[in-house]
Amino acid sequence: MDMTTPKVGIYTRISDDKDGQQTATARQMEDCRAFAGRKGWDVADEFEDIDTSAYLRGVKRPEFERMLAGLRAGSISGVLVWKLDRLTRQQRDLVRVIEACEPNRGFVASVMEPIDTRESYGQFVAELLVAQARMESANSSTRGRRKAQEQREQGMPPPCGKRCFGYDMRYSKVVPEEAAIIREVRDRVFAGESLHGICVDLEARGVVGTQGHAWRSNLLKRLLTGPSIAGVREGDGKRYPGTWPAIISTDDSDRLRAMLIRRPGAPRRSPARRYLMTGLMRCGRCGHRMNGHASADGVRRYVCARQAGYPNCGRMSARAEPVEDMVREMLIVAVDDAALAEALRARGDQDDGLLEMVRRDEGALEMLSRDFYLEHILTREEFLTTRDGLARRLEANRTRLSRRDGHGAVGAFVGHGETLRRAWEAGSLDWRHSVVGALLDHVVILPGRPGRIASNPDRVKPVWRY
């Protein structure tokens, strides 16, 4: 045995530092230093990982990795821990430590256990204790999952260290001002506004989240698509009624999810809108889409641009401002039209079953995945064929649902054109776009003198949805 004085590195760890004071690792360090002093070992380095699991896969432990590097390099000849489960709860990590010790004949020792891996008995005890610690962690995880499932079944509020917007800390009371914001945002999403546009408006009004942060699209989406504001708990594909008051209905929650949750592989939404008629302008020569484009002098235009791989003719353009002004006036006249009121009333009386179809296909996809991944009763070919068909239909119905819900953008203005005019001035560009899309399928720009729309309104041909 090597009789030179060992240079040890002390390793301490805690999974959850609740008080933020690192008191647990400080006590570990104190005991380890005293132990090393009794043994006559030199403490060459100290390693401390805070709020870090030694059981979960994929968890990065920076100080643990630095300790391994020290063993390999020979800057420390051993590792001293308060208990072995502070070092590792997985056999694979114990193997990594022992392999790092081998080049320089290093060792692992414990204050509270009879472990010194320079002896074969000590290594055996270390392996046995790691196996026991792993079993305890697995059992604890199982108990935690079962407890969480029991809480869901009882409808208890979700455990969370942060207050949910709309509720007090314990979900016992609704915060009226915040609940009103949630319902307002729900209605604006149903009316076709983008989350980005809503967040910009909320920030301008000084509306912030529970942590005092400005709203961002991802945070707002998480709130709106979560089950908490509908007064329910979810888990394992099931829904459990909660014991706290709901802010929105479960039907509204389902509609929000159908509109906001993007299917994996589906194209992402475009950046913030800059042109009112984006996606709604058509060239009167070739019939293809015209896109917004600013000229060198900064004038906004809609252009049928010729590009490689696209069928556009490249022979049509119109200044954006007069076109958008004409469209606004067309809409104001349209909402006072009795035919529109009748058309919207008839549409509202029809239950197209879209939401139910979306729900049914979402459930079918969950069952399909379970049959393939867990039950193994489907072949890969059967799974992929069925999944792709369901996914395509689900995406199409989600798109139809989003467009159908967009009609709510004009319902309040039917018969009140001047009210729409005032709202138009105050509304965001996203909201205006939703109003246009609710009434117009598209607008055709007919041939004429390029750019001279203002002097010839007959060049602007609306194609109505009703």
Protein backbone atom coordinates (compact mmCIF):
# COMPACT_ATOMS: atom_id res chain seq x y z
CA MET A 1 0.00 0.00 0.00
CA ASP A 2 1.22 3.50 -0.79
CA MET A 3 2.33 5.02 2.58
CA THR A 4 2.65 8.63 1.34
CA THR A 5 0.20 11.16 2.81
CA PRO A 6 -2.97 11.12 0.63
CA LYS A 7 -4.13 14.35 -0.94
CA VAL A 8 -7.90 14.05 -0.86
CA GLY A 9 -10.66 16.06 -2.42
CA ILE A 10 -13.82 16.47 -0.34
CA TYR A 11 -17.06 16.11 -2.32
CA THR A 12 -20.38 17.35 -0.92
CA ARG A 13 -23.82 17.45 -2.51
CA ILE A 14 -27.45 18.23 -1.72
CA SER A 15 -30.43 17.49 -3.99
CA ASP A 16 -32.67 20.31 -2.78
CA ASP A 17 -31.29 23.36 -0.99
CA LYS A 18 -34.65 24.64 0.32
CA ASP A 19 -33.36 27.50 2.46
CA GLY A 20 -30.74 28.60 -0.07
CA GLN A 21 -28.12 28.75 2.68
CA GLN A 22 -26.14 25.58 1.76
CA THR A 23 -26.21 24.58 5.42
CA ALA A 24 -26.39 20.85 4.65
CA THR A 25 -23.26 20.84 2.50
CA ALA A 26 -21.50 23.05 5.06
CA ARG A 27 -22.12 20.40 7.75
CA GLN A 28 -20.90 17.67 5.40
CA MET A 29 -17.74 19.66 4.69
CA GLU A 30 -17.06 20.26 8.40
CA ASP A 31 -17.34 16.56 9.25
CA CYS A 32 -15.15 15.57 6.28
CA ARG A 33 -12.40 18.02 7.23
CA ALA A 34 -12.40 16.69 10.79
CA PHE A 35 -12.24 13.10 9.51
CA ALA A 36 -9.33 13.91 7.17
CA GLY A 37 -7.51 15.57 10.10
CA ARG A 38 -7.86 12.47 12.24
CA LYS A 39 -6.53 10.35 9.38
CA GLY A 40 -3.65 12.72 8.72
CA TRP A 41 -4.78 13.35 5.12
CA ASP A 42 -4.17 16.61 3.31
CA VAL A 43 -7.28 18.30 1.87
CA ALA A 44 -6.11 19.38 -1.61
CA ASP A 45 -9.46 20.50 -3.02
CA GLU A 46 -13.15 20.79 -2.20
CA PHE A 47 -16.09 20.11 -4.52
CA GLU A 48 -19.70 21.16 -3.88
CA ASP A 49 -22.82 20.51 -6.02
CA ILE A 50 -25.99 22.32 -4.88
CA ASP A 51 -29.59 21.47 -5.89
CA THR A 52 -28.31 18.54 -7.93
CA SER A 53 -29.64 14.97 -8.10
CA ALA A 54 -27.29 12.00 -8.17
CA TYR A 55 -30.09 9.66 -9.28
CA LEU A 56 -31.84 11.23 -12.26
CA ARG A 57 -30.36 10.62 -15.70
CA GLY A 58 -29.08 13.55 -17.71
CA VAL A 59 -28.42 15.79 -14.68
CA LYS A 60 -25.16 17.74 -15.04
CA ARG A 61 -22.97 17.91 -11.94
CA PRO A 62 -20.15 20.37 -12.73
CA GLU A 63 -18.18 19.79 -9.52
CA PHE A 64 -18.52 16.02 -9.84
CA GLU A 65 -16.97 16.21 -13.31
CA ARG A 66 -14.20 18.50 -12.03
CA MET A 67 -13.49 15.98 -9.26
CA LEU A 68 -13.17 13.15 -11.83
CA ALA A 69 -10.73 15.27 -13.82
CA GLY A 70 -8.67 15.83 -10.65
CA LEU A 71 -8.49 12.08 -9.99
CA ARG A 72 -7.37 11.37 -13.55
CA ALA A 73 -4.77 14.14 -13.48
CA GLY A 74 -3.44 13.10 -10.07
CA SER A 75 -4.04 16.47 -8.42
CA ILE A 76 -6.01 14.52 -5.79
CA SER A 77 -5.32 10.92 -4.82
CA GLY A 78 -8.64 10.20 -3.19
CA VAL A 79 -12.22 11.35 -2.69
CA LEU A 80 -13.71 11.78 0.77
CA VAL A 81 -17.49 12.00 1.22
CA TRP A 82 -19.76 12.29 4.23
CA LYS A 83 -21.88 9.37 2.95
CA LEU A 84 -21.54 7.47 -0.31
CA ASP A 85 -25.00 8.49 -1.54
CA ARG A 86 -23.71 12.09 -1.61
CA LEU A 87 -21.27 10.94 -4.30
CA THR A 88 -23.57 8.74 -6.36
CA ARG A 89 -26.82 6.79 -6.38
CA GLN A 90 -26.09 5.05 -9.68
CA GLN A 91 -23.72 2.17 -10.38
CA ARG A 92 -22.58 3.78 -13.61
CA ASP A 93 -21.28 6.84 -11.75
CA LEU A 94 -19.50 4.69 -9.16
CA VAL A 95 -17.80 2.85 -12.02
CA ARG A 96 -16.71 6.21 -13.49
CA VAL A 97 -15.20 7.21 -10.15
CA ILE A 98 -13.34 3.91 -9.74
CA GLU A 99 -12.03 4.07 -13.32
CA ALA A 100 -10.82 7.64 -12.69
CA CYS A 101 -8.99 6.38 -9.60
CA GLU A 102 -7.13 3.58 -11.40
CA PRO A 103 -4.36 5.55 -13.25
CA ASN A 104 -2.99 6.99 -9.99
CA ARG A 105 -4.22 4.30 -7.58
CA GLY A 106 -6.76 6.63 -6.06
CA PHE A 107 -9.52 5.69 -3.63
CA VAL A 108 -12.93 6.62 -2.23
CA ALA A 109 -13.59 6.93 1.51
CA SER A 110 -16.68 7.76 3.59
CA VAL A 111 -17.01 9.42 6.98
CA MET A 112 -20.21 7.62 8.05
CA GLU A 113 -19.59 4.20 6.46
CA PRO A 114 -16.76 1.66 6.57
CA ILE A 115 -15.64 2.39 3.05
CA ASP A 116 -12.09 2.68 1.71
CA THR A 117 -11.85 1.30 -1.80
CA ARG A 118 -8.13 0.61 -1.43
CA GLU A 119 -9.38 -2.56 0.27
CA SER A 120 -11.48 -5.13 -1.64
CA TYR A 121 -14.02 -5.22 1.20
CA GLY A 122 -14.41 -1.45 1.02
CA GLN A 123 -15.13 -1.58 -2.71
CA PHE A 124 -17.69 -4.33 -2.15
CA VAL A 125 -19.45 -2.27 0.53
CA ALA A 126 -19.43 0.76 -1.77
CA GLU A 127 -21.11 -1.18 -4.59
CA LEU A 128 -23.66 -2.62 -2.17
CA LEU A 129 -24.53 0.81 -0.72
CA VAL A 130 -24.90 2.37 -4.16
CA ALA A 131 -27.32 -0.41 -5.16
CA GLN A 132 -29.29 0.20 -1.95
CA ALA A 133 -29.35 3.97 -2.55
CA ARG A 134 -30.57 3.46 -6.09
CA MET A 135 -33.38 1.21 -4.86
CA GLU A 136 -34.37 3.82 -2.24
CA SER A 137 -34.43 6.56 -4.89
CA ALA A 138 -36.56 4.42 -7.19
CA ASN A 139 -38.98 3.62 -4.35
CA SER A 140 -39.17 7.28 -3.39
CA SER A 141 -39.89 8.23 -7.00
CA THR A 142 -42.66 5.60 -7.18
CA ARG A 143 -44.21 6.89 -3.96
CA GLY A 144 -44.02 10.45 -5.30
CA ARG A 145 -45.78 9.51 -8.53
CA ARG A 146 -48.48 7.64 -6.65
CA LYS A 147 -49.03 10.57 -4.31
CA ALA A 148 -49.25 12.97 -7.27
CA GLN A 149 -51.80 10.68 -8.94
CA GLU A 150 -53.86 10.52 -5.74
CA GLN A 151 -53.84 14.33 -5.51
CA ARG A 152 -55.02 14.59 -9.13
CA GLU A 153 -57.83 12.12 -8.52
CA GLN A 154 -58.94 14.11 -5.47
CA GLY A 155 -58.91 17.31 -7.52
CA MET A 156 -56.34 19.01 -5.30
CA PRO A 157 -54.65 22.13 -6.70
CA PRO A 158 -51.38 21.55 -8.58
CA PRO A 159 -48.25 21.93 -6.42
CA CYS A 160 -46.30 24.98 -7.54
CA GLY A 161 -43.81 27.32 -5.95
CA LYS A 162 -45.17 30.24 -7.94
CA ARG A 163 -48.63 31.74 -7.85
CA CYS A 164 -50.77 31.03 -10.89
CA PHE A 165 -52.05 34.17 -12.60
CA GLY A 166 -55.74 34.54 -11.77
CA TYR A 167 -55.56 32.82 -8.35
CA ASP A 168 -54.12 33.35 -4.90
CA MET A 169 -51.18 31.19 -3.80
CA ARG A 170 -53.35 28.26 -2.68
CA TYR A 171 -55.96 28.43 -5.47
CA SER A 172 -58.57 29.13 -2.80
CA LYS A 173 -59.68 32.45 -4.32
CA VAL A 174 -59.89 33.98 -7.77
CA VAL A 175 -58.13 37.33 -8.21
CA PRO A 176 -60.91 39.29 -9.99
CA GLU A 177 -58.67 41.73 -11.90
CA GLU A 178 -56.44 38.94 -13.23
CA ALA A 179 -59.40 36.68 -14.06
CA ALA A 180 -60.86 39.51 -16.13
CA ILE A 181 -57.57 39.75 -18.07
CA ILE A 182 -57.63 35.99 -18.75
CA ARG A 183 -61.18 36.14 -20.09
CA GLU A 184 -60.32 39.19 -22.20
CA VAL A 185 -57.32 37.41 -23.70
CA ARG A 186 -59.45 34.31 -24.35
CA ASP A 187 -61.97 36.38 -26.30
CA ARG A 188 -59.23 38.14 -28.27
CA VAL A 189 -57.65 34.81 -29.25
CA PHE A 190 -61.06 33.53 -30.34
CA ALA A 191 -61.41 36.70 -32.40
CA GLY A 192 -58.19 35.90 -34.25
CA GLU A 193 -55.60 38.12 -32.56
CA SER A 194 -52.07 36.77 -32.23
CA LEU A 195 -50.47 36.18 -28.86
CA HIS A 196 -47.67 38.56 -29.82
CA GLY A 197 -50.09 41.39 -30.49
CA ILE A 198 -51.94 40.75 -27.24
CA CYS A 199 -48.67 40.73 -25.28
CA VAL A 200 -47.66 44.07 -26.79
CA ASP A 201 -51.00 45.54 -25.71
CA LEU A 202 -50.74 44.09 -22.19
CA GLU A 203 -47.25 45.50 -21.78
CA ALA A 204 -48.41 48.95 -22.93
CA ARG A 205 -51.19 48.81 -20.31
CA GLY A 206 -48.79 47.77 -17.56
CA VAL A 207 -50.30 44.30 -17.08
CA VAL A 208 -47.61 41.96 -15.73
CA GLY A 209 -47.41 38.37 -14.54
CA THR A 210 -47.30 37.18 -10.94
CA GLN A 211 -43.52 37.58 -10.81
CA GLY A 212 -43.67 41.12 -12.13
CA HIS A 213 -42.46 40.16 -15.61
CA ALA A 214 -43.90 41.43 -18.87
CA TRP A 215 -46.04 38.95 -20.76
CA ARG A 216 -44.40 37.06 -23.63
CA SER A 217 -46.09 34.79 -26.15
CA ASN A 218 -44.71 31.55 -24.69
CA LEU A 219 -45.78 32.48 -21.13
CA LEU A 220 -49.24 33.54 -22.22
CA LYS A 221 -49.67 30.39 -24.30
CA ARG A 222 -48.66 28.23 -21.33
CA LEU A 223 -51.29 29.91 -19.15
CA LEU A 224 -54.07 29.67 -21.73
CA THR A 225 -53.43 26.03 -22.69
CA GLY A 226 -52.91 24.82 -19.12
CA PRO A 227 -55.77 23.06 -17.32
CA SER A 228 -55.59 25.10 -14.11
CA ILE A 229 -57.62 28.11 -15.31
CA ALA A 230 -60.41 25.70 -16.31
CA GLY A 231 -60.50 24.28 -12.78
CA VAL A 232 -59.23 20.78 -13.64
CA ARG A 233 -56.19 18.53 -13.09
CA GLU A 234 -54.82 16.33 -15.85
CA GLY A 235 -52.59 13.26 -15.91
CA ASP A 236 -52.15 9.99 -17.82
CA GLY A 237 -54.51 11.26 -20.49
CA LYS A 238 -57.35 11.79 -18.00
CA ARG A 239 -59.07 14.89 -16.66
CA TYR A 240 -60.12 15.29 -13.02
CA PRO A 241 -62.48 18.02 -11.70
CA GLY A 242 -60.61 20.39 -9.40
CA THR A 243 -61.68 21.69 -6.00
CA TRP A 244 -60.88 25.30 -6.92
CA PRO A 245 -63.05 27.71 -8.98
CA ALA A 246 -62.69 27.80 -12.75
CA ILE A 247 -61.99 31.05 -14.60
CA ILE A 248 -62.94 29.71 -18.04
CA SER A 249 -64.99 26.69 -19.11
CA THR A 250 -63.46 23.39 -20.20
CA ASP A 251 -64.98 23.93 -23.65
CA ASP A 252 -63.17 27.25 -23.94
CA SER A 253 -59.98 25.57 -22.72
CA ASP A 254 -60.29 22.92 -25.43
CA ARG A 255 -60.86 25.58 -28.10
CA LEU A 256 -57.79 27.50 -26.95
CA ARG A 257 -55.65 24.38 -27.14
CA ALA A 258 -56.96 23.54 -30.59
CA MET A 259 -56.03 27.04 -31.78
CA LEU A 260 -52.69 27.50 -29.98
CA ILE A 261 -50.97 24.13 -29.72
CA ARG A 262 -48.87 23.43 -32.80
CA ARG A 263 -48.61 19.84 -34.00
CA PRO A 264 -44.98 18.59 -34.16
CA GLY A 265 -43.66 19.12 -37.68
CA ALA A 266 -46.25 21.77 -38.58
CA PRO A 267 -44.87 25.08 -39.86
CA ARG A 268 -44.32 27.79 -37.29
CA ARG A 269 -46.35 30.95 -37.28
CA SER A 270 -44.95 33.87 -39.21
CA PRO A 271 -43.26 36.80 -37.42
CA ALA A 272 -45.15 39.86 -36.26
CA ARG A 273 -47.52 41.21 -38.92
CA ARG A 274 -46.55 44.38 -40.83
CA TYR A 275 -49.25 44.51 -43.53
CA LEU A 276 -52.99 44.41 -42.95
CA MET A 277 -53.79 42.31 -46.03
CA THR A 278 -51.05 39.70 -45.69
CA GLY A 279 -52.33 36.45 -47.24
CA LEU A 280 -55.54 38.10 -48.47
CA MET A 281 -54.42 39.89 -51.64
CA ARG A 282 -54.62 38.27 -55.09
CA CYS A 283 -53.23 39.39 -58.44
CA GLY A 284 -55.96 40.09 -61.02
CA ARG A 285 -53.68 38.90 -63.85
CA CYS A 286 -52.37 35.54 -62.64
CA GLY A 287 -54.57 34.91 -59.59
CA HIS A 288 -51.66 34.29 -57.24
CA ARG A 289 -50.92 35.87 -53.89
CA MET A 290 -49.52 39.39 -53.58
CA ASN A 291 -47.17 40.10 -50.69
CA GLY A 292 -46.28 43.24 -48.78
CA HIS A 293 -43.07 44.92 -49.82
CA ALA A 294 -41.55 48.32 -49.01
CA SER A 295 -39.93 50.18 -51.92
CA ALA A 296 -36.55 51.88 -51.68
CA ASP A 297 -38.21 55.16 -50.69
CA GLY A 298 -40.11 53.44 -47.85
CA VAL A 299 -43.55 53.32 -49.52
CA ARG A 300 -45.49 50.20 -48.53
CA ARG A 301 -46.85 48.22 -51.48
CA TYR A 302 -48.53 44.94 -52.29
CA VAL A 303 -46.62 43.24 -55.09
CA CYS A 304 -47.11 40.18 -57.27
CA ALA A 305 -43.40 39.41 -57.21
CA ARG A 306 -41.80 37.06 -59.71
CA GLN A 307 -39.54 34.55 -57.93
CA ALA A 308 -37.80 31.36 -58.97
CA GLY A 309 -40.07 28.38 -58.31
CA TYR A 310 -43.23 30.52 -57.94
CA PRO A 311 -45.90 30.99 -60.66
CA ASN A 312 -46.48 34.72 -60.02
CA CYS A 313 -46.57 36.91 -63.12
CA GLY A 314 -44.67 39.81 -61.53
CA ARG A 315 -46.84 42.40 -63.33
CA MET A 316 -49.05 43.80 -60.59
CA SER A 317 -48.48 46.21 -57.70
CA ALA A 318 -50.55 48.62 -55.61
CA ARG A 319 -49.78 51.07 -52.85
CA ALA A 320 -50.80 49.61 -49.50
CA GLU A 321 -52.36 52.63 -47.79
CA PRO A 322 -55.20 53.38 -50.25
CA VAL A 323 -56.02 49.67 -50.59
CA GLU A 324 -56.23 49.25 -46.82
CA ASP A 325 -58.37 52.39 -46.48
CA MET A 326 -60.81 51.06 -49.09
CA VAL A 327 -61.01 47.68 -47.39
CA ARG A 328 -61.80 49.38 -44.08
CA GLU A 329 -64.65 51.35 -45.65
CA MET A 330 -66.00 48.20 -47.34
CA LEU A 331 -66.11 46.45 -43.96
CA ILE A 332 -67.86 49.35 -42.24
CA VAL A 333 -70.54 49.32 -44.92
CA ALA A 334 -70.77 45.51 -44.80
CA VAL A 335 -71.46 45.26 -41.05
CA ASP A 336 -74.53 47.48 -41.53
CA ASP A 337 -75.84 45.12 -44.22
CA ALA A 338 -78.82 43.03 -43.10
CA ALA A 339 -77.57 40.15 -45.26
CA LEU A 340 -74.45 39.87 -43.08
CA ALA A 341 -76.51 39.68 -39.90
CA GLU A 342 -78.62 36.89 -41.38
CA ALA A 343 -75.57 34.99 -42.62
CA LEU A 344 -73.79 35.15 -39.23
CA ARG A 345 -76.99 34.15 -37.44
CA ALA A 346 -77.39 31.12 -39.68
CA ARG A 347 -73.76 30.17 -39.16
CA GLY A 348 -74.12 30.44 -35.39
CA ASP A 349 -77.15 28.15 -35.41
CA GLN A 350 -75.14 25.37 -37.03
CA ASP A 351 -73.14 22.97 -34.87
CA ASP A 352 -70.46 21.79 -37.25
CA GLY A 353 -68.98 19.41 -34.66
CA LEU A 354 -65.43 20.65 -35.29
CA LEU A 355 -64.44 20.84 -31.64
CA GLU A 356 -65.73 17.34 -30.98
CA MET A 357 -63.83 16.00 -34.01
CA VAL A 358 -60.63 17.65 -32.77
CA ARG A 359 -61.10 16.12 -29.32
CA ARG A 360 -61.84 12.69 -30.78
CA ASP A 361 -58.75 12.71 -33.03
CA GLU A 362 -56.52 13.90 -30.18
CA GLY A 363 -57.76 10.99 -28.07
CA ALA A 364 -57.27 8.58 -30.96
CA LEU A 365 -53.64 9.69 -31.35
CA GLU A 366 -53.02 9.09 -27.64
CA MET A 367 -54.53 5.60 -27.84
CA LEU A 368 -52.56 4.84 -31.00
CA SER A 369 -49.27 5.83 -29.35
CA ARG A 370 -50.10 3.70 -26.32
CA ASP A 371 -50.95 0.68 -28.50
CA PHE A 372 -47.63 0.99 -30.33
CA TYR A 373 -45.14 2.10 -27.67
CA LEU A 374 -46.57 0.45 -24.54
CA GLU A 375 -48.82 -2.42 -25.59
CA HIS A 376 -46.85 -3.39 -28.73
CA ILE A 377 -50.00 -4.55 -30.52
CA LEU A 378 -49.32 -2.56 -33.71
CA THR A 379 -46.55 -2.92 -36.26
CA ARG A 380 -44.46 0.13 -37.09
CA GLU A 381 -46.05 0.32 -40.56
CA GLU A 382 -49.58 0.17 -39.12
CA PHE A 383 -48.70 2.83 -36.55
CA LEU A 384 -47.14 5.26 -39.03
CA THR A 385 -49.91 4.88 -41.63
CA THR A 386 -52.70 5.45 -39.11
CA ARG A 387 -50.86 8.22 -37.26
CA ASP A 388 -50.14 10.22 -40.43
CA GLY A 389 -53.77 10.08 -41.54
CA LEU A 390 -55.05 11.12 -38.12
CA ALA A 391 -52.48 13.90 -37.83
CA ARG A 392 -53.40 15.37 -41.22
CA ARG A 393 -57.10 15.37 -40.39
CA LEU A 394 -56.45 16.82 -36.93
CA GLU A 395 -54.35 19.66 -38.34
CA ALA A 396 -56.97 20.46 -40.99
CA ASN A 397 -59.77 20.54 -38.40
CA ARG A 398 -57.69 22.70 -36.06
CA THR A 399 -57.17 25.16 -38.90
CA ARG A 400 -60.90 25.15 -39.72
CA LEU A 401 -61.72 25.66 -36.03
CA SER A 402 -59.37 28.61 -35.83
CA ARG A 403 -60.96 30.20 -38.89
CA ARG A 404 -64.47 29.54 -37.63
CA ASP A 405 -63.74 31.12 -34.26
CA GLY A 406 -62.36 34.15 -36.08
CA HIS A 407 -65.91 35.13 -37.02
CA GLY A 408 -66.33 36.31 -33.44
CA ALA A 409 -64.23 39.32 -34.35
CA VAL A 410 -67.20 41.00 -36.10
CA GLY A 411 -70.22 39.68 -34.22
CA ALA A 412 -70.36 42.66 -31.87
CA PHE A 413 -70.30 45.18 -34.76
CA VAL A 414 -73.16 43.86 -36.88
CA GLY A 415 -75.48 46.81 -37.44
CA HIS A 416 -72.97 49.23 -35.89
CA GLY A 417 -70.61 50.39 -38.62
CA GLU A 418 -69.51 53.55 -36.86
CA THR A 419 -68.68 51.53 -33.74
CA LEU A 420 -66.41 49.40 -35.91
CA ARG A 421 -64.78 52.56 -37.29
CA ARG A 422 -63.90 53.74 -33.76
CA ALA A 423 -62.67 50.30 -32.72
CA TRP A 424 -60.60 50.09 -35.91
CA GLU A 425 -58.61 53.18 -34.95
CA ALA A 426 -57.81 51.79 -31.51
CA GLY A 427 -57.34 48.14 -32.51
CA SER A 428 -54.03 46.38 -33.13
CA LEU A 429 -52.95 45.30 -36.61
CA ASP A 430 -53.55 41.66 -35.68
CA TRP A 431 -57.10 42.46 -34.58
CA ARG A 432 -57.81 44.39 -37.78
CA HIS A 433 -56.50 41.45 -39.82
CA SER A 434 -58.83 39.09 -37.94
CA VAL A 435 -61.82 41.34 -38.77
CA VAL A 436 -60.85 41.40 -42.45
CA GLY A 437 -60.37 37.62 -42.52
CA ALA A 438 -63.73 37.03 -40.83
CA LEU A 439 -65.61 38.80 -43.64
CA LEU A 440 -63.38 38.60 -46.70
CA ASP A 441 -61.96 35.49 -48.29
CA HIS A 442 -59.56 37.67 -50.28
CA VAL A 443 -59.31 40.86 -52.33
CA VAL A 444 -58.39 40.91 -56.02
CA ILE A 445 -56.38 43.80 -57.50
CA LEU A 446 -57.50 44.18 -61.11
CA PRO A 447 -55.22 45.37 -63.95
CA GLY A 448 -54.84 49.09 -64.48
CA ARG A 449 -52.19 51.74 -64.21
CA PRO A 450 -49.58 50.35 -61.77
CA GLY A 451 -49.82 51.80 -58.26
CA ARG A 452 -52.79 54.12 -59.07
CA ILE A 453 -55.41 52.46 -56.88
CA ALA A 454 -56.45 55.73 -55.21
CA SER A 455 -57.74 57.16 -58.50
CA ASN A 456 -59.55 53.98 -59.54
CA PRO A 457 -61.34 52.15 -56.69
CA ASP A 458 -62.91 49.77 -59.22
CA ARG A 459 -59.55 47.95 -59.29
CA VAL A 460 -60.21 46.61 -55.76
CA LYS A 461 -62.59 43.63 -55.95
CA PRO A 462 -63.63 42.03 -52.61
CA VAL A 463 -64.52 38.34 -52.41
CA TRP A 464 -66.82 37.97 -49.40
CA ARG A 465 -67.19 34.96 -47.12
CA TYR A 466 -70.96 35.40 -46.73
